[in-house]
Amino acid sequence: MTDNEEREESVVEMPDAFREADESVHDSNNNRRKGDTKVGLTLRIIVAAYVLYLAYSLIQNFGKNTGNDRIFIAIAIGVFLIAGGAILILSVKKLIRKEYIDANEESEDEKR
């Protein structure tokens, strides 16, 4: 028996329950994620604004630090700016384009 034959025998298929759950996430209408609601997007915007505020306060106090602290703080500033900016931009874009599940739409779907 060769290595390839052994590998083929050891392949395990995904159970049907997991496959159905995976398909249901991809089948959501208009490529909307299941958890995106207007309130959720608004909370993301608030959190992103706070993360950007933290980056701003780190920038203000950047000159007071010396040595290795400056390197770590510079990395933290970069991470906070990138993460906060990305979350803010993506959330605002989804909110403007109305790419979220509206509570009224969801309740109508449940009635059917």
N, C-alpha and C. Protein backbone atom coordinates (compact mmCIF):
# COMPACT_ATOMS: atom_id res chain seq x y z
N MET A 1 0.85 -1.17 0.00
CA MET A 1 0.00 0.00 0.00
C MET A 1 0.89 1.24 0.00
N THR A 2 0.62 2.18 -0.87
CA THR A 2 1.43 3.39 -0.98
C THR A 2 0.89 4.48 -0.06
N ASP A 3 1.67 5.56 0.05
CA ASP A 3 1.25 6.69 0.88
C ASP A 3 -0.04 7.32 0.38
N ASN A 4 -0.17 7.44 -0.94
CA ASN A 4 -1.39 8.04 -1.51
C ASN A 4 -2.62 7.22 -1.19
N GLU A 5 -2.51 5.91 -1.26
CA GLU A 5 -3.65 5.05 -0.95
C GLU A 5 -4.03 5.17 0.53
N GLU A 6 -3.03 5.27 1.42
CA GLU A 6 -3.31 5.43 2.84
C GLU A 6 -4.00 6.76 3.12
N ARG A 7 -3.56 7.82 2.43
CA ARG A 7 -4.17 9.13 2.62
C ARG A 7 -5.62 9.13 2.16
N GLU A 8 -5.90 8.48 1.03
CA GLU A 8 -7.26 8.42 0.51
C GLU A 8 -8.19 7.68 1.47
N GLU A 9 -7.68 6.65 2.13
CA GLU A 9 -8.50 5.89 3.06
C GLU A 9 -8.77 6.69 4.33
N SER A 10 -7.87 7.57 4.71
CA SER A 10 -8.02 8.28 5.98
C SER A 10 -8.83 9.58 5.86
N VAL A 11 -9.31 9.91 4.67
CA VAL A 11 -10.11 11.12 4.48
C VAL A 11 -11.47 10.93 5.13
N VAL A 12 -11.86 11.91 5.95
CA VAL A 12 -13.15 11.86 6.64
C VAL A 12 -14.06 12.90 6.02
N GLU A 13 -15.28 12.51 5.69
CA GLU A 13 -16.21 13.45 5.10
C GLU A 13 -16.91 14.27 6.17
N MET A 14 -17.32 15.49 5.79
CA MET A 14 -18.01 16.39 6.70
C MET A 14 -19.42 15.87 6.93
N PRO A 15 -19.88 15.81 8.19
CA PRO A 15 -21.25 15.37 8.46
C PRO A 15 -22.26 16.29 7.79
N ASP A 16 -23.44 15.74 7.48
CA ASP A 16 -24.47 16.50 6.77
C ASP A 16 -24.92 17.73 7.55
N ALA A 17 -24.98 17.64 8.87
CA ALA A 17 -25.43 18.78 9.68
C ALA A 17 -24.50 19.97 9.49
N PHE A 18 -23.19 19.73 9.47
CA PHE A 18 -22.24 20.81 9.27
C PHE A 18 -22.32 21.36 7.86
N ARG A 19 -22.51 20.49 6.88
CA ARG A 19 -22.59 20.91 5.49
C ARG A 19 -23.82 21.80 5.28
N GLU A 20 -24.96 21.43 5.88
CA GLU A 20 -26.18 22.22 5.75
C GLU A 20 -26.02 23.59 6.41
N ALA A 21 -25.38 23.62 7.58
CA ALA A 21 -25.17 24.88 8.27
C ALA A 21 -24.26 25.80 7.45
N ASP A 22 -23.25 25.21 6.82
CA ASP A 22 -22.33 25.98 6.00
C ASP A 22 -23.04 26.54 4.77
N GLU A 23 -23.91 25.75 4.16
CA GLU A 23 -24.66 26.21 2.99
C GLU A 23 -25.66 27.30 3.36
N SER A 24 -26.27 27.21 4.54
CA SER A 24 -27.27 28.21 4.92
C SER A 24 -26.63 29.58 5.12
N VAL A 25 -25.38 29.62 5.56
CA VAL A 25 -24.70 30.89 5.73
C VAL A 25 -24.42 31.51 4.37
N HIS A 26 -24.06 30.68 3.38
CA HIS A 26 -23.74 31.20 2.05
C HIS A 26 -24.98 31.53 1.24
N ASP A 27 -26.14 30.99 1.59
CA ASP A 27 -27.35 31.21 0.83
C ASP A 27 -28.12 32.44 1.26
N SER A 28 -27.60 33.23 2.19
CA SER A 28 -28.34 34.40 2.66
C SER A 28 -28.51 35.38 1.50
N ASN A 29 -29.65 36.05 1.48
CA ASN A 29 -29.98 36.90 0.34
C ASN A 29 -29.08 38.12 0.28
N ASN A 30 -28.67 38.46 -0.95
CA ASN A 30 -27.83 39.63 -1.24
C ASN A 30 -26.50 39.61 -0.49
N ASN A 31 -25.94 38.46 -0.29
CA ASN A 31 -24.64 38.29 0.37
C ASN A 31 -24.60 38.92 1.75
N ARG A 32 -25.70 38.98 2.43
CA ARG A 32 -25.73 39.53 3.78
C ARG A 32 -25.34 38.45 4.77
N ARG A 33 -24.51 38.84 5.74
CA ARG A 33 -24.19 37.90 6.81
C ARG A 33 -25.40 37.80 7.71
N LYS A 34 -25.57 36.63 8.32
CA LYS A 34 -26.76 36.42 9.14
C LYS A 34 -26.85 37.34 10.33
N GLY A 35 -25.74 37.76 10.91
CA GLY A 35 -25.78 38.54 12.13
C GLY A 35 -25.76 40.04 11.93
N ASP A 36 -25.69 40.52 10.70
CA ASP A 36 -25.62 41.96 10.47
C ASP A 36 -27.00 42.59 10.62
N THR A 37 -27.16 43.36 11.68
CA THR A 37 -28.39 44.12 11.89
C THR A 37 -28.01 45.59 11.99
N LYS A 38 -29.00 46.44 11.95
CA LYS A 38 -28.75 47.88 12.03
C LYS A 38 -28.11 48.23 13.38
N VAL A 39 -28.61 47.61 14.43
CA VAL A 39 -28.06 47.87 15.77
C VAL A 39 -26.62 47.35 15.86
N GLY A 40 -26.37 46.17 15.30
CA GLY A 40 -25.02 45.61 15.32
C GLY A 40 -24.03 46.48 14.58
N LEU A 41 -24.44 46.98 13.42
CA LEU A 41 -23.56 47.87 12.67
C LEU A 41 -23.31 49.18 13.41
N THR A 42 -24.34 49.69 14.06
CA THR A 42 -24.18 50.91 14.84
C THR A 42 -23.21 50.69 16.00
N LEU A 43 -23.32 49.56 16.66
CA LEU A 43 -22.39 49.25 17.75
C LEU A 43 -20.96 49.10 17.24
N ARG A 44 -20.80 48.51 16.06
CA ARG A 44 -19.47 48.39 15.47
C ARG A 44 -18.87 49.76 15.19
N ILE A 45 -19.70 50.68 14.71
CA ILE A 45 -19.22 52.04 14.44
C ILE A 45 -18.76 52.70 15.74
N ILE A 46 -19.52 52.52 16.81
CA ILE A 46 -19.15 53.10 18.11
C ILE A 46 -17.83 52.50 18.61
N VAL A 47 -17.69 51.18 18.49
CA VAL A 47 -16.45 50.52 18.93
C VAL A 47 -15.28 50.97 18.08
N ALA A 48 -15.48 51.10 16.77
CA ALA A 48 -14.40 51.56 15.88
C ALA A 48 -13.99 52.99 16.23
N ALA A 49 -14.96 53.83 16.54
CA ALA A 49 -14.64 55.21 16.93
C ALA A 49 -13.82 55.22 18.22
N TYR A 50 -14.15 54.33 19.16
CA TYR A 50 -13.40 54.25 20.41
C TYR A 50 -11.97 53.75 20.17
N VAL A 51 -11.82 52.77 19.29
CA VAL A 51 -10.48 52.26 18.98
C VAL A 51 -9.64 53.35 18.30
N LEU A 52 -10.26 54.13 17.43
CA LEU A 52 -9.54 55.25 16.81
C LEU A 52 -9.19 56.32 17.85
N TYR A 53 -10.06 56.53 18.82
CA TYR A 53 -9.77 57.47 19.91
C TYR A 53 -8.57 56.97 20.74
N LEU A 54 -8.51 55.66 20.98
CA LEU A 54 -7.36 55.10 21.71
C LEU A 54 -6.07 55.33 20.93
N ALA A 55 -6.13 55.15 19.62
CA ALA A 55 -4.94 55.39 18.79
C ALA A 55 -4.54 56.86 18.87
N TYR A 56 -5.52 57.76 18.85
CA TYR A 56 -5.25 59.19 18.95
C TYR A 56 -4.59 59.54 20.28
N SER A 57 -5.08 58.96 21.37
CA SER A 57 -4.47 59.25 22.68
C SER A 57 -3.07 58.64 22.79
N LEU A 58 -2.83 57.53 22.12
CA LEU A 58 -1.48 56.97 22.11
C LEU A 58 -0.54 57.88 21.32
N ILE A 59 -1.05 58.45 20.23
CA ILE A 59 -0.23 59.37 19.43
C ILE A 59 0.12 60.61 20.24
N GLN A 60 -0.83 61.12 21.01
CA GLN A 60 -0.58 62.32 21.82
C GLN A 60 0.51 62.09 22.85
N ASN A 61 0.56 60.90 23.44
CA ASN A 61 1.53 60.60 24.50
C ASN A 61 2.76 59.88 23.97
N PHE A 62 2.93 59.82 22.66
CA PHE A 62 4.03 59.06 22.07
C PHE A 62 5.39 59.66 22.43
N GLY A 63 5.50 60.97 22.50
CA GLY A 63 6.78 61.62 22.79
C GLY A 63 7.27 61.41 24.21
N LYS A 64 6.41 61.03 25.12
CA LYS A 64 6.79 60.86 26.53
C LYS A 64 7.50 59.54 26.80
N ASN A 65 7.46 58.61 25.84
CA ASN A 65 8.06 57.29 26.03
C ASN A 65 9.42 57.22 25.37
N THR A 66 10.26 56.29 25.88
CA THR A 66 11.60 56.12 25.34
C THR A 66 11.88 54.65 25.09
N GLY A 67 12.90 54.39 24.30
CA GLY A 67 13.41 53.04 24.10
C GLY A 67 12.45 52.09 23.42
N ASN A 68 12.40 50.87 23.98
CA ASN A 68 11.57 49.81 23.40
C ASN A 68 10.08 50.11 23.51
N ASP A 69 9.70 50.92 24.48
CA ASP A 69 8.30 51.28 24.63
C ASP A 69 7.79 51.99 23.38
N ARG A 70 8.63 52.81 22.78
CA ARG A 70 8.22 53.53 21.57
C ARG A 70 7.90 52.58 20.44
N ILE A 71 8.67 51.51 20.32
CA ILE A 71 8.44 50.53 19.25
C ILE A 71 7.09 49.85 19.44
N PHE A 72 6.82 49.39 20.66
CA PHE A 72 5.56 48.70 20.92
C PHE A 72 4.36 49.64 20.79
N ILE A 73 4.52 50.86 21.23
CA ILE A 73 3.43 51.83 21.12
C ILE A 73 3.18 52.19 19.66
N ALA A 74 4.26 52.30 18.88
CA ALA A 74 4.10 52.58 17.45
C ALA A 74 3.36 51.43 16.76
N ILE A 75 3.68 50.20 17.13
CA ILE A 75 2.98 49.04 16.57
C ILE A 75 1.51 49.07 16.99
N ALA A 76 1.24 49.38 18.26
CA ALA A 76 -0.14 49.44 18.74
C ALA A 76 -0.92 50.54 18.01
N ILE A 77 -0.28 51.67 17.78
CA ILE A 77 -0.94 52.76 17.05
C ILE A 77 -1.31 52.29 15.65
N GLY A 78 -0.38 51.64 14.99
CA GLY A 78 -0.65 51.14 13.64
C GLY A 78 -1.79 50.14 13.61
N VAL A 79 -1.78 49.20 14.55
CA VAL A 79 -2.84 48.19 14.60
C VAL A 79 -4.19 48.85 14.90
N PHE A 80 -4.21 49.77 15.85
CA PHE A 80 -5.46 50.44 16.20
C PHE A 80 -5.99 51.27 15.03
N LEU A 81 -5.11 51.97 14.33
CA LEU A 81 -5.56 52.78 13.20
C LEU A 81 -6.11 51.91 12.07
N ILE A 82 -5.41 50.84 11.76
CA ILE A 82 -5.85 49.96 10.67
C ILE A 82 -7.15 49.25 11.04
N ALA A 83 -7.19 48.65 12.24
CA ALA A 83 -8.38 47.90 12.64
C ALA A 83 -9.59 48.82 12.82
N GLY A 84 -9.39 49.92 13.54
CA GLY A 84 -10.50 50.84 13.76
C GLY A 84 -11.00 51.46 12.47
N GLY A 85 -10.07 51.85 11.60
CA GLY A 85 -10.45 52.42 10.32
C GLY A 85 -11.19 51.43 9.44
N ALA A 86 -10.71 50.20 9.39
CA ALA A 86 -11.36 49.18 8.55
C ALA A 86 -12.76 48.86 9.07
N ILE A 87 -12.89 48.69 10.37
CA ILE A 87 -14.21 48.39 10.94
C ILE A 87 -15.17 49.54 10.69
N LEU A 88 -14.69 50.77 10.88
CA LEU A 88 -15.52 51.95 10.69
C LEU A 88 -15.97 52.07 9.23
N ILE A 89 -15.04 51.95 8.30
CA ILE A 89 -15.37 52.10 6.88
C ILE A 89 -16.34 51.01 6.42
N LEU A 90 -16.05 49.76 6.77
CA LEU A 90 -16.92 48.66 6.32
C LEU A 90 -18.31 48.75 6.93
N SER A 91 -18.39 49.12 8.20
CA SER A 91 -19.69 49.22 8.85
C SER A 91 -20.52 50.38 8.30
N VAL A 92 -19.88 51.52 8.09
CA VAL A 92 -20.61 52.67 7.53
C VAL A 92 -21.07 52.35 6.12
N LYS A 93 -20.22 51.68 5.35
CA LYS A 93 -20.58 51.31 3.98
C LYS A 93 -21.80 50.38 3.97
N LYS A 94 -21.82 49.38 4.85
CA LYS A 94 -22.96 48.47 4.93
C LYS A 94 -24.21 49.19 5.41
N LEU A 95 -24.05 50.13 6.32
CA LEU A 95 -25.19 50.87 6.83
C LEU A 95 -25.78 51.78 5.76
N ILE A 96 -24.93 52.43 4.98
CA ILE A 96 -25.40 53.32 3.92
C ILE A 96 -26.08 52.51 2.80
N ARG A 97 -25.48 51.38 2.43
CA ARG A 97 -26.05 50.55 1.36
C ARG A 97 -27.22 49.69 1.82
N LYS A 98 -27.53 49.78 3.09
CA LYS A 98 -28.60 48.99 3.71
C LYS A 98 -28.38 47.48 3.52
N GLU A 99 -27.15 47.04 3.74
CA GLU A 99 -26.79 45.63 3.65
C GLU A 99 -26.89 45.00 5.04
N TYR A 100 -28.05 45.07 5.62
CA TYR A 100 -28.27 44.48 6.92
C TYR A 100 -29.67 43.90 6.96
N ILE A 101 -29.90 43.05 7.94
CA ILE A 101 -31.21 42.44 8.10
C ILE A 101 -32.06 43.39 8.91
N ASP A 102 -33.15 43.82 8.31
CA ASP A 102 -34.07 44.71 9.00
C ASP A 102 -34.98 43.88 9.89
N ALA A 103 -35.33 44.39 11.04
CA ALA A 103 -36.19 43.65 11.97
C ALA A 103 -37.55 43.37 11.35
N ASN A 104 -38.07 44.29 10.54
CA ASN A 104 -39.36 44.08 9.89
C ASN A 104 -39.30 42.96 8.85
N GLU A 105 -38.21 42.91 8.06
CA GLU A 105 -38.04 41.85 7.07
C GLU A 105 -37.93 40.49 7.76
N GLU A 106 -37.19 40.45 8.85
CA GLU A 106 -36.97 39.20 9.57
C GLU A 106 -38.28 38.66 10.14
N SER A 107 -39.11 39.54 10.71
CA SER A 107 -40.37 39.08 11.28
C SER A 107 -41.34 38.63 10.19
N GLU A 108 -41.31 39.25 9.01
CA GLU A 108 -42.16 38.82 7.90
C GLU A 108 -41.73 37.45 7.40
N ASP A 109 -40.42 37.19 7.34
CA ASP A 109 -39.93 35.88 6.91
C ASP A 109 -40.32 34.79 7.91
N GLU A 110 -40.33 35.11 9.20
CA GLU A 110 -40.70 34.13 10.21
C GLU A 110 -42.18 33.80 10.15
N LYS A 111 -43.01 34.78 9.75
CA LYS A 111 -44.45 34.54 9.65
C LYS A 111 -44.78 33.57 8.53
N ARG A 112 -43.99 33.57 7.47
CA ARG A 112 -44.24 32.70 6.31
C ARG A 112 -43.85 31.33 6.61
